[in-house]
PDB file of all heavy atoms in Angstrom:
ATOM      1  N   TYR A   1      69.640 123.646 108.862  1.00  0.00           N
ATOM      2  CA  TYR A   1      70.802 124.355 108.330  1.00  0.00           C
ATOM      3  C   TYR A   1      71.206 125.468 109.274  1.00  0.00           C
ATOM      4  O   TYR A   1      70.450 125.891 110.154  1.00  0.00           O
ATOM      5  CB  TYR A   1      70.506 124.953 106.945  1.00  0.00           C
ATOM      6  CG  TYR A   1      69.429 126.012 106.962  1.00  0.00           C
ATOM      7  CD1 TYR A   1      69.724 127.334 107.264  1.00  0.00           C
ATOM      8  CD2 TYR A   1      68.104 125.679 106.685  1.00  0.00           C
ATOM      9  CE1 TYR A   1      68.742 128.305 107.296  1.00  0.00           C
ATOM     10  CE2 TYR A   1      67.108 126.636 106.711  1.00  0.00           C
ATOM     11  CZ  TYR A   1      67.434 127.952 107.015  1.00  0.00           C
ATOM     12  OH  TYR A   1      66.459 128.905 107.051  1.00  0.00           O
ATOM     13  N   CYS A   2      72.416 125.962 109.052  1.00  0.00           N
ATOM     14  CA  CYS A   2      72.883 127.187 109.691  1.00  0.00           C
ATOM     15  C   CYS A   2      73.673 127.968 108.654  1.00  0.00           C
ATOM     16  O   CYS A   2      74.668 127.477 108.118  1.00  0.00           O
ATOM     17  CB  CYS A   2      73.764 126.885 110.899  1.00  0.00           C
ATOM     18  SG  CYS A   2      74.482 128.371 111.647  1.00  0.00           S
ATOM     19  N   LEU A   3      73.209 129.180 108.341  1.00  0.00           N
ATOM     20  CA  LEU A   3      73.930 130.106 107.474  1.00  0.00           C
ATOM     21  C   LEU A   3      74.668 131.077 108.385  1.00  0.00           C
ATOM     22  O   LEU A   3      74.045 131.840 109.127  1.00  0.00           O
ATOM     23  CB  LEU A   3      72.958 130.843 106.555  1.00  0.00           C
ATOM     24  CG  LEU A   3      72.090 129.939 105.666  1.00  0.00           C
ATOM     25  CD1 LEU A   3      71.074 130.772 104.892  1.00  0.00           C
ATOM     26  CD2 LEU A   3      72.959 129.127 104.719  1.00  0.00           C
ATOM     27  N   LEU A   4      75.991 131.046 108.331  1.00  0.00           N
ATOM     28  CA  LEU A   4      76.805 131.718 109.345  1.00  0.00           C
ATOM     29  C   LEU A   4      77.834 132.630 108.699  1.00  0.00           C
ATOM     30  O   LEU A   4      78.503 132.243 107.740  1.00  0.00           O
ATOM     31  CB  LEU A   4      77.517 130.663 110.195  1.00  0.00           C
ATOM     32  CG  LEU A   4      78.301 131.142 111.408  1.00  0.00           C
ATOM     33  CD1 LEU A   4      77.348 131.555 112.528  1.00  0.00           C
ATOM     34  CD2 LEU A   4      79.238 130.049 111.894  1.00  0.00           C
ATOM     35  N   THR A   5      77.968 133.859 109.223  1.00  0.00           N
ATOM     36  CA  THR A   5      79.074 134.725 108.807  1.00  0.00           C
ATOM     37  C   THR A   5      79.852 135.185 110.027  1.00  0.00           C
ATOM     38  O   THR A   5      79.308 135.309 111.128  1.00  0.00           O
ATOM     39  CB  THR A   5      78.586 135.981 108.042  1.00  0.00           C
ATOM     40  OG1 THR A   5      77.874 136.833 108.934  1.00  0.00           O
ATOM     41  CG2 THR A   5      77.713 135.603 106.864  1.00  0.00           C
ATOM     42  N   LEU A   6      81.121 135.450 109.822  1.00  0.00           N
ATOM     43  CA  LEU A   6      82.008 136.002 110.848  1.00  0.00           C
ATOM     44  C   LEU A   6      82.751 137.190 110.255  1.00  0.00           C
ATOM     45  O   LEU A   6      83.180 137.159 109.086  1.00  0.00           O
ATOM     46  CB  LEU A   6      83.027 134.959 111.316  1.00  0.00           C
ATOM     47  CG  LEU A   6      82.497 133.673 111.950  1.00  0.00           C
ATOM     48  CD1 LEU A   6      83.641 132.731 112.278  1.00  0.00           C
ATOM     49  CD2 LEU A   6      81.671 133.973 113.192  1.00  0.00           C
ATOM     50  N   GLY A   7      82.919 138.228 111.052  1.00  0.00           N
ATOM     51  CA  GLY A   7      83.711 139.373 110.622  1.00  0.00           C
ATOM     52  C   GLY A   7      83.106 140.110 109.449  1.00  0.00           C
ATOM     53  O   GLY A   7      81.882 140.201 109.307  1.00  0.00           O
ATOM     54  N   ALA A   8      83.950 140.634 108.574  1.00  0.00           N
ATOM     55  CA  ALA A   8      83.496 141.460 107.452  1.00  0.00           C
ATOM     56  C   ALA A   8      82.989 140.643 106.274  1.00  0.00           C
ATOM     57  O   ALA A   8      82.443 141.202 105.320  1.00  0.00           O
ATOM     58  CB  ALA A   8      84.642 142.366 106.991  1.00  0.00           C
ATOM     59  N   SER A   9      83.140 139.333 106.327  1.00  0.00           N
ATOM     60  CA  SER A   9      82.754 138.487 105.209  1.00  0.00           C
ATOM     61  C   SER A   9      81.229 138.410 105.071  1.00  0.00           C
ATOM     62  O   SER A   9      80.498 138.441 106.055  1.00  0.00           O
ATOM     63  CB  SER A   9      83.318 137.075 105.403  1.00  0.00           C
ATOM     64  OG  SER A   9      82.821 136.199 104.412  1.00  0.00           O
ATOM     65  N   HIS A  10      80.780 138.279 103.814  1.00  0.00           N
ATOM     66  CA  HIS A  10      79.375 138.037 103.528  1.00  0.00           C
ATOM     67  C   HIS A  10      79.129 136.578 103.136  1.00  0.00           C
ATOM     68  O   HIS A  10      78.011 136.224 102.754  1.00  0.00           O
ATOM     69  CB  HIS A  10      78.899 138.949 102.391  1.00  0.00           C
ATOM     70  CG  HIS A  10      78.999 140.410 102.713  1.00  0.00           C
ATOM     71  ND1 HIS A  10      78.976 141.393 101.757  1.00  0.00           N
ATOM     72  CD2 HIS A  10      79.122 141.058 103.908  1.00  0.00           C
ATOM     73  CE1 HIS A  10      79.086 142.587 102.326  1.00  0.00           C
ATOM     74  NE2 HIS A  10      79.181 142.399 103.638  1.00  0.00           N
ATOM     75  N   ASN A  11      80.140 135.757 103.219  1.00  0.00           N
ATOM     76  CA  ASN A  11      80.045 134.339 102.839  1.00  0.00           C
ATOM     77  C   ASN A  11      79.433 133.552 104.001  1.00  0.00           C
ATOM     78  O   ASN A  11      80.010 133.485 105.085  1.00  0.00           O
ATOM     79  CB  ASN A  11      81.441 133.809 102.493  1.00  0.00           C
ATOM     80  CG  ASN A  11      81.397 132.390 101.942  1.00  0.00           C
ATOM     81  OD1 ASN A  11      80.558 131.579 102.318  1.00  0.00           O
ATOM     82  ND2 ASN A  11      82.320 132.089 101.042  1.00  0.00           N
ATOM     83  N   ARG A  12      78.270 132.920 103.755  1.00  0.00           N
ATOM     84  CA  ARG A  12      77.552 132.239 104.831  1.00  0.00           C
ATOM     85  C   ARG A  12      77.758 130.728 104.846  1.00  0.00           C
ATOM     86  O   ARG A  12      77.085 130.011 105.595  1.00  0.00           O
ATOM     87  CB  ARG A  12      76.058 132.553 104.738  1.00  0.00           C
ATOM     88  CG  ARG A  12      75.767 134.038 104.896  1.00  0.00           C
ATOM     89  CD  ARG A  12      74.349 134.284 105.345  1.00  0.00           C
ATOM     90  NE  ARG A  12      73.374 134.077 104.282  1.00  0.00           N
ATOM     91  CZ  ARG A  12      72.056 134.077 104.482  1.00  0.00           C
ATOM     92  NH1 ARG A  12      71.575 134.234 105.701  1.00  0.00           N
ATOM     93  NH2 ARG A  12      71.235 133.913 103.464  1.00  0.00           N
ATOM     94  N   ALA A  13      78.685 130.224 104.041  1.00  0.00           N
ATOM     95  CA  ALA A  13      78.965 128.791 104.012  1.00  0.00           C
ATOM     96  C   ALA A  13      79.928 128.414 105.134  1.00  0.00           C
ATOM     97  O   ALA A  13      80.744 129.227 105.586  1.00  0.00           O
ATOM     98  CB  ALA A  13      79.554 128.390 102.666  1.00  0.00           C
ATOM     99  N   GLY A  14      79.863 127.163 105.577  1.00  0.00           N
ATOM    100  CA  GLY A  14      80.789 126.666 106.580  1.00  0.00           C
ATOM    101  C   GLY A  14      82.218 126.681 106.071  1.00  0.00           C
ATOM    102  O   GLY A  14      82.470 126.473 104.881  1.00  0.00           O
ATOM    103  N   SER A  15      83.180 126.931 106.964  1.00  0.00           N
ATOM    104  CA  SER A  15      84.587 126.970 106.562  1.00  0.00           C
ATOM    105  C   SER A  15      85.457 126.910 107.810  1.00  0.00           C
ATOM    106  O   SER A  15      84.963 126.801 108.937  1.00  0.00           O
ATOM    107  CB  SER A  15      84.894 128.257 105.778  1.00  0.00           C
ATOM    108  OG  SER A  15      84.910 129.372 106.654  1.00  0.00           O
ATOM    109  N   MET A  16      86.762 127.002 107.599  1.00  0.00           N
ATOM    110  CA  MET A  16      87.706 127.023 108.709  1.00  0.00           C
ATOM    111  C   MET A  16      87.992 128.446 109.185  1.00  0.00           C
ATOM    112  O   MET A  16      88.878 128.655 110.023  1.00  0.00           O
ATOM    113  CB  MET A  16      89.007 126.330 108.299  1.00  0.00           C
ATOM    114  CG  MET A  16      88.851 124.824 108.079  1.00  0.00           C
ATOM    115  SD  MET A  16      88.229 123.974 109.551  1.00  0.00           S
ATOM    116  CE  MET A  16      89.615 124.212 110.687  1.00  0.00           C
ATOM    117  N   GLN A  17      87.267 129.436 108.668  1.00  0.00           N
ATOM    118  CA  GLN A  17      87.429 130.797 109.171  1.00  0.00           C
ATOM    119  C   GLN A  17      87.155 130.815 110.672  1.00  0.00           C
ATOM    120  O   GLN A  17      86.177 130.233 111.145  1.00  0.00           O
ATOM    121  CB  GLN A  17      86.459 131.744 108.458  1.00  0.00           C
ATOM    122  CG  GLN A  17      86.578 133.191 108.937  1.00  0.00           C
ATOM    123  CD  GLN A  17      85.499 134.085 108.342  1.00  0.00           C
ATOM    124  OE1 GLN A  17      84.680 133.649 107.527  1.00  0.00           O
ATOM    125  NE2 GLN A  17      85.485 135.351 108.757  1.00  0.00           N
ATOM    126  N   ALA A  18      88.012 131.495 111.438  1.00  0.00           N
ATOM    127  CA  ALA A  18      87.888 131.520 112.896  1.00  0.00           C
ATOM    128  C   ALA A  18      87.402 132.889 113.365  1.00  0.00           C
ATOM    129  O   ALA A  18      87.739 133.922 112.781  1.00  0.00           O
ATOM    130  CB  ALA A  18      89.227 131.190 113.545  1.00  0.00           C
ATOM    131  N   TRP A  19      86.637 132.869 114.428  1.00  0.00           N
ATOM    132  CA  TRP A  19      86.084 134.103 115.009  1.00  0.00           C
ATOM    133  C   TRP A  19      87.185 134.838 115.769  1.00  0.00           C
ATOM    134  O   TRP A  19      87.916 134.237 116.580  1.00  0.00           O
ATOM    135  CB  TRP A  19      84.941 133.742 115.944  1.00  0.00           C
ATOM    136  CG  TRP A  19      83.950 134.843 116.161  1.00  0.00           C
ATOM    137  CD1 TRP A  19      83.795 135.984 115.430  1.00  0.00           C
ATOM    138  CD2 TRP A  19      82.940 134.880 117.176  1.00  0.00           C
ATOM    139  NE1 TRP A  19      82.753 136.728 115.918  1.00  0.00           N
ATOM    140  CE2 TRP A  19      82.203 136.081 116.995  1.00  0.00           C
ATOM    141  CE3 TRP A  19      82.573 134.022 118.219  1.00  0.00           C
ATOM    142  CZ2 TRP A  19      81.138 136.444 117.812  1.00  0.00           C
ATOM    143  CZ3 TRP A  19      81.514 134.379 119.029  1.00  0.00           C
ATOM    144  CH2 TRP A  19      80.800 135.578 118.831  1.00  0.00           C
ATOM    145  N   GLN A  20      87.283 136.146 115.522  1.00  0.00           N
ATOM    146  CA  GLN A  20      88.323 136.958 116.128  1.00  0.00           C
ATOM    147  C   GLN A  20      87.707 138.084 116.975  1.00  0.00           C
ATOM    148  O   GLN A  20      86.587 138.517 116.717  1.00  0.00           O
ATOM    149  CB  GLN A  20      89.226 137.560 115.043  1.00  0.00           C
ATOM    150  CG  GLN A  20      89.906 136.529 114.154  1.00  0.00           C
ATOM    151  CD  GLN A  20      90.812 135.589 114.925  1.00  0.00           C
ATOM    152  OE1 GLN A  20      91.406 135.983 115.946  1.00  0.00           O
ATOM    153  NE2 GLN A  20      90.938 134.350 114.460  1.00  0.00           N
ATOM    154  N   PRO A  21      88.424 138.563 117.990  1.00  0.00           N
ATOM    155  CA  PRO A  21      87.906 139.642 118.840  1.00  0.00           C
ATOM    156  C   PRO A  21      87.475 140.857 118.026  1.00  0.00           C
ATOM    157  O   PRO A  21      88.142 141.246 117.062  1.00  0.00           O
ATOM    158  CB  PRO A  21      89.090 139.972 119.747  1.00  0.00           C
ATOM    159  CG  PRO A  21      89.872 138.695 119.816  1.00  0.00           C
ATOM    160  CD  PRO A  21      89.749 138.086 118.450  1.00  0.00           C
ATOM    161  N   GLY A  22      86.328 141.425 118.406  1.00  0.00           N
ATOM    162  CA  GLY A  22      85.796 142.605 117.734  1.00  0.00           C
ATOM    163  C   GLY A  22      84.934 142.300 116.537  1.00  0.00           C
ATOM    164  O   GLY A  22      84.282 143.196 115.996  1.00  0.00           O
ATOM    165  N   GLU A  23      84.919 141.024 116.097  1.00  0.00           N
ATOM    166  CA  GLU A  23      84.146 140.670 114.916  1.00  0.00           C
ATOM    167  C   GLU A  23      82.698 140.340 115.279  1.00  0.00           C
ATOM    168  O   GLU A  23      82.385 139.915 116.385  1.00  0.00           O
ATOM    169  CB  GLU A  23      84.775 139.467 114.211  1.00  0.00           C
ATOM    170  CG  GLU A  23      86.097 139.765 113.541  1.00  0.00           C
ATOM    171  CD  GLU A  23      86.609 138.588 112.747  1.00  0.00           C
ATOM    172  OE1 GLU A  23      86.179 137.440 113.009  1.00  0.00           O
ATOM    173  OE2 GLU A  23      87.449 138.809 111.865  1.00  0.00           O
ATOM    174  N   VAL A  24      81.828 140.510 114.248  1.00  0.00           N
ATOM    175  CA  VAL A  24      80.423 140.155 114.421  1.00  0.00           C
ATOM    176  C   VAL A  24      80.190 138.721 113.933  1.00  0.00           C
ATOM    177  O   VAL A  24      80.985 138.163 113.168  1.00  0.00           O
ATOM    178  CB  VAL A  24      79.498 141.118 113.653  1.00  0.00           C
ATOM    179  CG1 VAL A  24      79.748 142.551 114.072  1.00  0.00           C
ATOM    180  CG2 VAL A  24      79.649 140.947 112.144  1.00  0.00           C
ATOM    181  N   MET A  25      79.097 138.138 114.404  1.00  0.00           N
ATOM    182  CA  MET A  25      78.615 136.844 113.925  1.00  0.00           C
ATOM    183  C   MET A  25      77.129 136.996 113.602  1.00  0.00           C
ATOM    184  O   MET A  25      76.360 137.525 114.403  1.00  0.00           O
ATOM    185  CB  MET A  25      78.775 135.753 114.991  1.00  0.00           C
ATOM    186  CG  MET A  25      78.102 134.421 114.612  1.00  0.00           C
ATOM    187  SD  MET A  25      77.811 133.333 116.042  1.00  0.00           S
ATOM    188  CE  MET A  25      79.494 132.995 116.552  1.00  0.00           C
ATOM    189  N   SER A  26      76.738 136.582 112.407  1.00  0.00           N
ATOM    190  CA  SER A  26      75.307 136.453 112.112  1.00  0.00           C
ATOM    191  C   SER A  26      74.994 134.971 112.016  1.00  0.00           C
ATOM    192  O   SER A  26      75.719 134.214 111.357  1.00  0.00           O
ATOM    193  CB  SER A  26      74.930 137.172 110.813  1.00  0.00           C
ATOM    194  OG  SER A  26      75.402 136.470 109.683  1.00  0.00           O
ATOM    195  N   MET A  27      73.946 134.555 112.709  1.00  0.00           N
ATOM    196  CA  MET A  27      73.552 133.144 112.743  1.00  0.00           C
ATOM    197  C   MET A  27      72.105 133.034 112.296  1.00  0.00           C
ATOM    198  O   MET A  27      71.188 133.471 112.990  1.00  0.00           O
ATOM    199  CB  MET A  27      73.740 132.578 114.158  1.00  0.00           C
ATOM    200  CG  MET A  27      73.401 131.103 114.285  1.00  0.00           C
ATOM    201  SD  MET A  27      73.750 130.477 115.955  1.00  0.00           S
ATOM    202  CE  MET A  27      75.555 130.426 115.912  1.00  0.00           C
ATOM    203  N   ASP A  28      71.905 132.482 111.113  1.00  0.00           N
ATOM    204  CA  ASP A  28      70.583 132.302 110.513  1.00  0.00           C
ATOM    205  C   ASP A  28      70.336 130.802 110.454  1.00  0.00           C
ATOM    206  O   ASP A  28      70.991 130.088 109.697  1.00  0.00           O
ATOM    207  CB  ASP A  28      70.569 132.921 109.114  1.00  0.00           C
ATOM    208  CG  ASP A  28      69.180 132.935 108.481  1.00  0.00           C
ATOM    209  OD1 ASP A  28      68.314 132.164 108.925  1.00  0.00           O
ATOM    210  OD2 ASP A  28      68.985 133.720 107.537  1.00  0.00           O
ATOM    211  N   SER A  29      69.407 130.322 111.281  1.00  0.00           N
ATOM    212  CA  SER A  29      69.222 128.875 111.373  1.00  0.00           C
ATOM    213  C   SER A  29      67.788 128.467 111.092  1.00  0.00           C
ATOM    214  O   SER A  29      66.834 129.130 111.513  1.00  0.00           O
ATOM    215  CB  SER A  29      69.619 128.368 112.760  1.00  0.00           C
ATOM    216  OG  SER A  29      69.443 126.957 112.835  1.00  0.00           O
ATOM    217  N   GLY A  30      67.665 127.380 110.380  1.00  0.00           N
ATOM    218  CA  GLY A  30      66.368 126.757 110.138  1.00  0.00           C
ATOM    219  C   GLY A  30      66.370 125.361 110.723  1.00  0.00           C
ATOM    220  O   GLY A  30      67.311 124.587 110.537  1.00  0.00           O
ATOM    221  N   GLY A  31      65.337 125.059 111.465  1.00  0.00           N
ATOM    222  CA  GLY A  31      65.134 123.726 112.003  1.00  0.00           C
ATOM    223  C   GLY A  31      63.646 123.499 112.095  1.00  0.00           C
ATOM    224  O   GLY A  31      62.855 124.408 111.841  1.00  0.00           O
ATOM    225  N   ASN A  32      63.248 122.295 112.446  1.00  0.00           N
ATOM    226  CA  ASN A  32      61.812 122.089 112.583  1.00  0.00           C
ATOM    227  C   ASN A  32      61.488 121.248 113.803  1.00  0.00           C
ATOM    228  O   ASN A  32      62.293 120.433 114.253  1.00  0.00           O
ATOM    229  CB  ASN A  32      61.196 121.520 111.306  1.00  0.00           C
ATOM    230  CG  ASN A  32      61.530 120.065 111.070  1.00  0.00           C
ATOM    231  OD1 ASN A  32      60.981 119.179 111.738  1.00  0.00           O
ATOM    232  ND2 ASN A  32      62.421 119.789 110.128  1.00  0.00           N
ATOM    233  N   TYR A  33      60.289 121.462 114.297  1.00  0.00           N
ATOM    234  CA  TYR A  33      59.773 120.737 115.443  1.00  0.00           C
ATOM    235  C   TYR A  33      58.501 120.037 114.995  1.00  0.00           C
ATOM    236  O   TYR A  33      57.506 120.680 114.667  1.00  0.00           O
ATOM    237  CB  TYR A  33      59.493 121.696 116.604  1.00  0.00           C
ATOM    238  CG  TYR A  33      59.011 121.009 117.859  1.00  0.00           C
ATOM    239  CD1 TYR A  33      59.844 120.152 118.570  1.00  0.00           C
ATOM    240  CD2 TYR A  33      57.723 121.214 118.324  1.00  0.00           C
ATOM    241  CE1 TYR A  33      59.405 119.518 119.721  1.00  0.00           C
ATOM    242  CE2 TYR A  33      57.275 120.591 119.484  1.00  0.00           C
ATOM    243  CZ  TYR A  33      58.118 119.742 120.166  1.00  0.00           C
ATOM    244  OH  TYR A  33      57.681 119.106 121.307  1.00  0.00           O
ATOM    245  N   ARG A  34      58.595 118.699 114.918  1.00  0.00           N
ATOM    246  CA  ARG A  34      57.473 117.882 114.445  1.00  0.00           C
ATOM    247  C   ARG A  34      56.983 118.342 113.073  1.00  0.00           C
ATOM    248  O   ARG A  34      55.798 118.347 112.775  1.00  0.00           O
ATOM    249  CB  ARG A  34      56.332 117.881 115.457  1.00  0.00           C
ATOM    250  CG  ARG A  34      56.745 117.316 116.822  1.00  0.00           C
ATOM    251  CD  ARG A  34      55.597 117.257 117.785  1.00  0.00           C
ATOM    252  NE  ARG A  34      56.052 116.767 119.092  1.00  0.00           N
ATOM    253  CZ  ARG A  34      55.268 116.640 120.161  1.00  0.00           C
ATOM    254  NH1 ARG A  34      53.978 116.944 120.082  1.00  0.00           N
ATOM    255  NH2 ARG A  34      55.761 116.206 121.305  1.00  0.00           N
ATOM    256  N   GLY A  35      57.936 118.756 112.237  1.00  0.00           N
ATOM    257  CA  GLY A  35      57.623 119.144 110.867  1.00  0.00           C
ATOM    258  C   GLY A  35      57.402 120.620 110.665  1.00  0.00           C
ATOM    259  O   GLY A  35      57.433 121.097 109.522  1.00  0.00           O
ATOM    260  N   TYR A  36      57.192 121.391 111.732  1.00  0.00           N
ATOM    261  CA  TYR A  36      56.913 122.817 111.595  1.00  0.00           C
ATOM    262  C   TYR A  36      58.201 123.621 111.720  1.00  0.00           C
ATOM    263  O   TYR A  36      59.034 123.353 112.575  1.00  0.00           O
ATOM    264  CB  TYR A  36      55.864 123.254 112.618  1.00  0.00           C
ATOM    265  CG  TYR A  36      54.485 122.818 112.185  1.00  0.00           C
ATOM    266  CD1 TYR A  36      54.044 121.517 112.435  1.00  0.00           C
ATOM    267  CD2 TYR A  36      53.654 123.667 111.465  1.00  0.00           C
ATOM    268  CE1 TYR A  36      52.795 121.082 112.005  1.00  0.00           C
ATOM    269  CE2 TYR A  36      52.409 123.253 111.028  1.00  0.00           C
ATOM    270  CZ  TYR A  36      51.985 121.958 111.297  1.00  0.00           C
ATOM    271  OH  TYR A  36      50.754 121.535 110.845  1.00  0.00           O
ATOM    272  N   ILE A  37      58.329 124.627 110.849  1.00  0.00           N
ATOM    273  CA  ILE A  37      59.590 125.313 110.623  1.00  0.00           C
ATOM    274  C   ILE A  37      59.842 126.425 111.638  1.00  0.00           C
ATOM    275  O   ILE A  37      58.949 127.203 111.971  1.00  0.00           O
ATOM    276  CB  ILE A  37      59.610 125.931 109.209  1.00  0.00           C
ATOM    277  CG1 ILE A  37      59.440 124.839 108.144  1.00  0.00           C
ATOM    278  CG2 ILE A  37      60.879 126.727 108.974  1.00  0.00           C
ATOM    279  CD1 ILE A  37      60.566 123.847 108.081  1.00  0.00           C
ATOM    280  N   GLY A  38      61.072 126.488 112.094  1.00  0.00           N
ATOM    281  CA  GLY A  38      61.586 127.665 112.784  1.00  0.00           C
ATOM    282  C   GLY A  38      62.688 128.245 111.926  1.00  0.00           C
ATOM    283  O   GLY A  38      63.544 127.501 111.437  1.00  0.00           O
ATOM    284  N   ASP A  39      62.689 129.546 111.712  1.00  0.00           N
ATOM    285  CA  ASP A  39      63.679 130.183 110.834  1.00  0.00           C
ATOM    286  C   ASP A  39      63.927 131.586 111.362  1.00  0.00           C
ATOM    287  O   ASP A  39      63.112 132.485 111.174  1.00  0.00           O
ATOM    288  CB  ASP A  39      63.152 130.221 109.404  1.00  0.00           C
ATOM    289  CG  ASP A  39      64.145 130.844 108.427  1.00  0.00           C
ATOM    290  OD1 ASP A  39      65.319 131.046 108.810  1.00  0.00           O
ATOM    291  OD2 ASP A  39      63.752 131.127 107.285  1.00  0.00           O
ATOM    292  N   LEU A  40      65.044 131.771 112.055  1.00  0.00           N
ATOM    293  CA  LEU A  40      65.342 133.057 112.689  1.00  0.00           C
ATOM    294  C   LEU A  40      66.806 133.422 112.492  1.00  0.00           C
ATOM    295  O   LEU A  40      67.630 132.540 112.206  1.00  0.00           O
ATOM    296  CB  LEU A  40      65.030 133.011 114.197  1.00  0.00           C
ATOM    297  CG  LEU A  40      63.589 132.661 114.562  1.00  0.00           C
ATOM    298  CD1 LEU A  40      63.495 131.206 115.000  1.00  0.00           C
ATOM    299  CD2 LEU A  40      63.050 133.581 115.644  1.00  0.00           C
ATOM    300  N   CYS A  41      67.113 134.691 112.670  1.00  0.00           N
ATOM    301  CA  CYS A  41      68.499 135.140 112.608  1.00  0.00           C
ATOM    302  C   CYS A  41      68.771 136.061 113.785  1.00  0.00           C
ATOM    303  O   CYS A  41      67.956 136.940 114.106  1.00  0.00           O
ATOM    304  CB  CYS A  41      68.780 135.871 111.300  1.00  0.00           C
ATOM    305  SG  CYS A  41      70.536 136.293 111.063  1.00  0.00           S
ATOM    306  N   ARG A  42      69.929 135.839 114.431  1.00  0.00           N
ATOM    307  CA  ARG A  42      70.351 136.643 115.561  1.00  0.00           C
ATOM    308  C   ARG A  42      71.820 137.030 115.378  1.00  0.00           C
ATOM    309  O   ARG A  42      72.556 136.388 114.632  1.00  0.00           O
ATOM    310  CB  ARG A  42      70.150 135.881 116.873  1.00  0.00           C
ATOM    311  CG  ARG A  42      68.679 135.558 117.184  1.00  0.00           C
ATOM    312  CD  ARG A  42      67.902 136.812 117.504  1.00  0.00           C
ATOM    313  NE  ARG A  42      66.519 136.551 117.896  1.00  0.00           N
ATOM    314  CZ  ARG A  42      65.485 136.693 117.075  1.00  0.00           C
ATOM    315  NH1 ARG A  42      65.689 137.045 115.812  1.00  0.00           N
ATOM    316  NH2 ARG A  42      64.249 136.482 117.507  1.00  0.00           N
ATOM    317  N   MET A  43      72.242 138.069 116.123  1.00  0.00           N
ATOM    318  CA  MET A  43      73.574 138.630 115.969  1.00  0.00           C
ATOM    319  C   MET A  43      74.378 138.525 117.266  1.00  0.00           C
ATOM    320  O   MET A  43      73.825 138.606 118.362  1.00  0.00           O
ATOM    321  CB  MET A  43      73.476 140.105 115.576  1.00  0.00           C
ATOM    322  CG  MET A  43      72.808 140.384 114.236  1.00  0.00           C
ATOM    323  SD  MET A  43      73.687 139.658 112.825  1.00  0.00           S
ATOM    324  CE  MET A  43      75.319 140.389 113.031  1.00  0.00           C
ATOM    325  N   ALA A  44      75.685 138.349 117.119  1.00  0.00           N
ATOM    326  CA  ALA A  44      76.590 138.326 118.263  1.00  0.00           C
ATOM    327  C   ALA A  44      77.858 139.101 117.918  1.00  0.00           C
ATOM    328  O   ALA A  44      78.180 139.305 116.745  1.00  0.00           O
ATOM    329  CB  ALA A  44      76.931 136.891 118.651  1.00  0.00           C
ATOM    330  N   ALA A  45      78.559 139.509 118.945  1.00  0.00           N
ATOM    331  CA  ALA A  45      79.866 140.161 118.783  1.00  0.00           C
ATOM    332  C   ALA A  45      80.839 139.527 119.767  1.00  0.00           C
ATOM    333  O   ALA A  45      80.458 139.178 120.885  1.00  0.00           O
ATOM    334  CB  ALA A  45      79.762 141.659 119.039  1.00  0.00           C
ATOM    335  N   LEU A  46      82.078 139.358 119.340  1.00  0.00           N
ATOM    336  CA  LEU A  46      83.099 138.819 120.232  1.00  0.00           C
ATOM    337  C   LEU A  46      83.768 139.999 120.929  1.00  0.00           C
ATOM    338  O   LEU A  46      84.697 140.618 120.418  1.00  0.00           O
ATOM    339  CB  LEU A  46      84.117 137.996 119.448  1.00  0.00           C
ATOM    340  CG  LEU A  46      85.085 137.165 120.303  1.00  0.00           C
ATOM    341  CD1 LEU A  46      84.330 136.300 121.304  1.00  0.00           C
ATOM    342  CD2 LEU A  46      85.966 136.285 119.420  1.00  0.00           C
TER     343      LEU A  46
END
């Protein structure tokens, strides 16, 4: 999965919202490698 927000929104569901200059992005992703979980969150700014 990827739980993603852009800008001032707290909604982490996928949508057609587009990233705009000056906005933040939070990216919280879960994936696994041979069954073992990776779950991290990192931040970006445009």
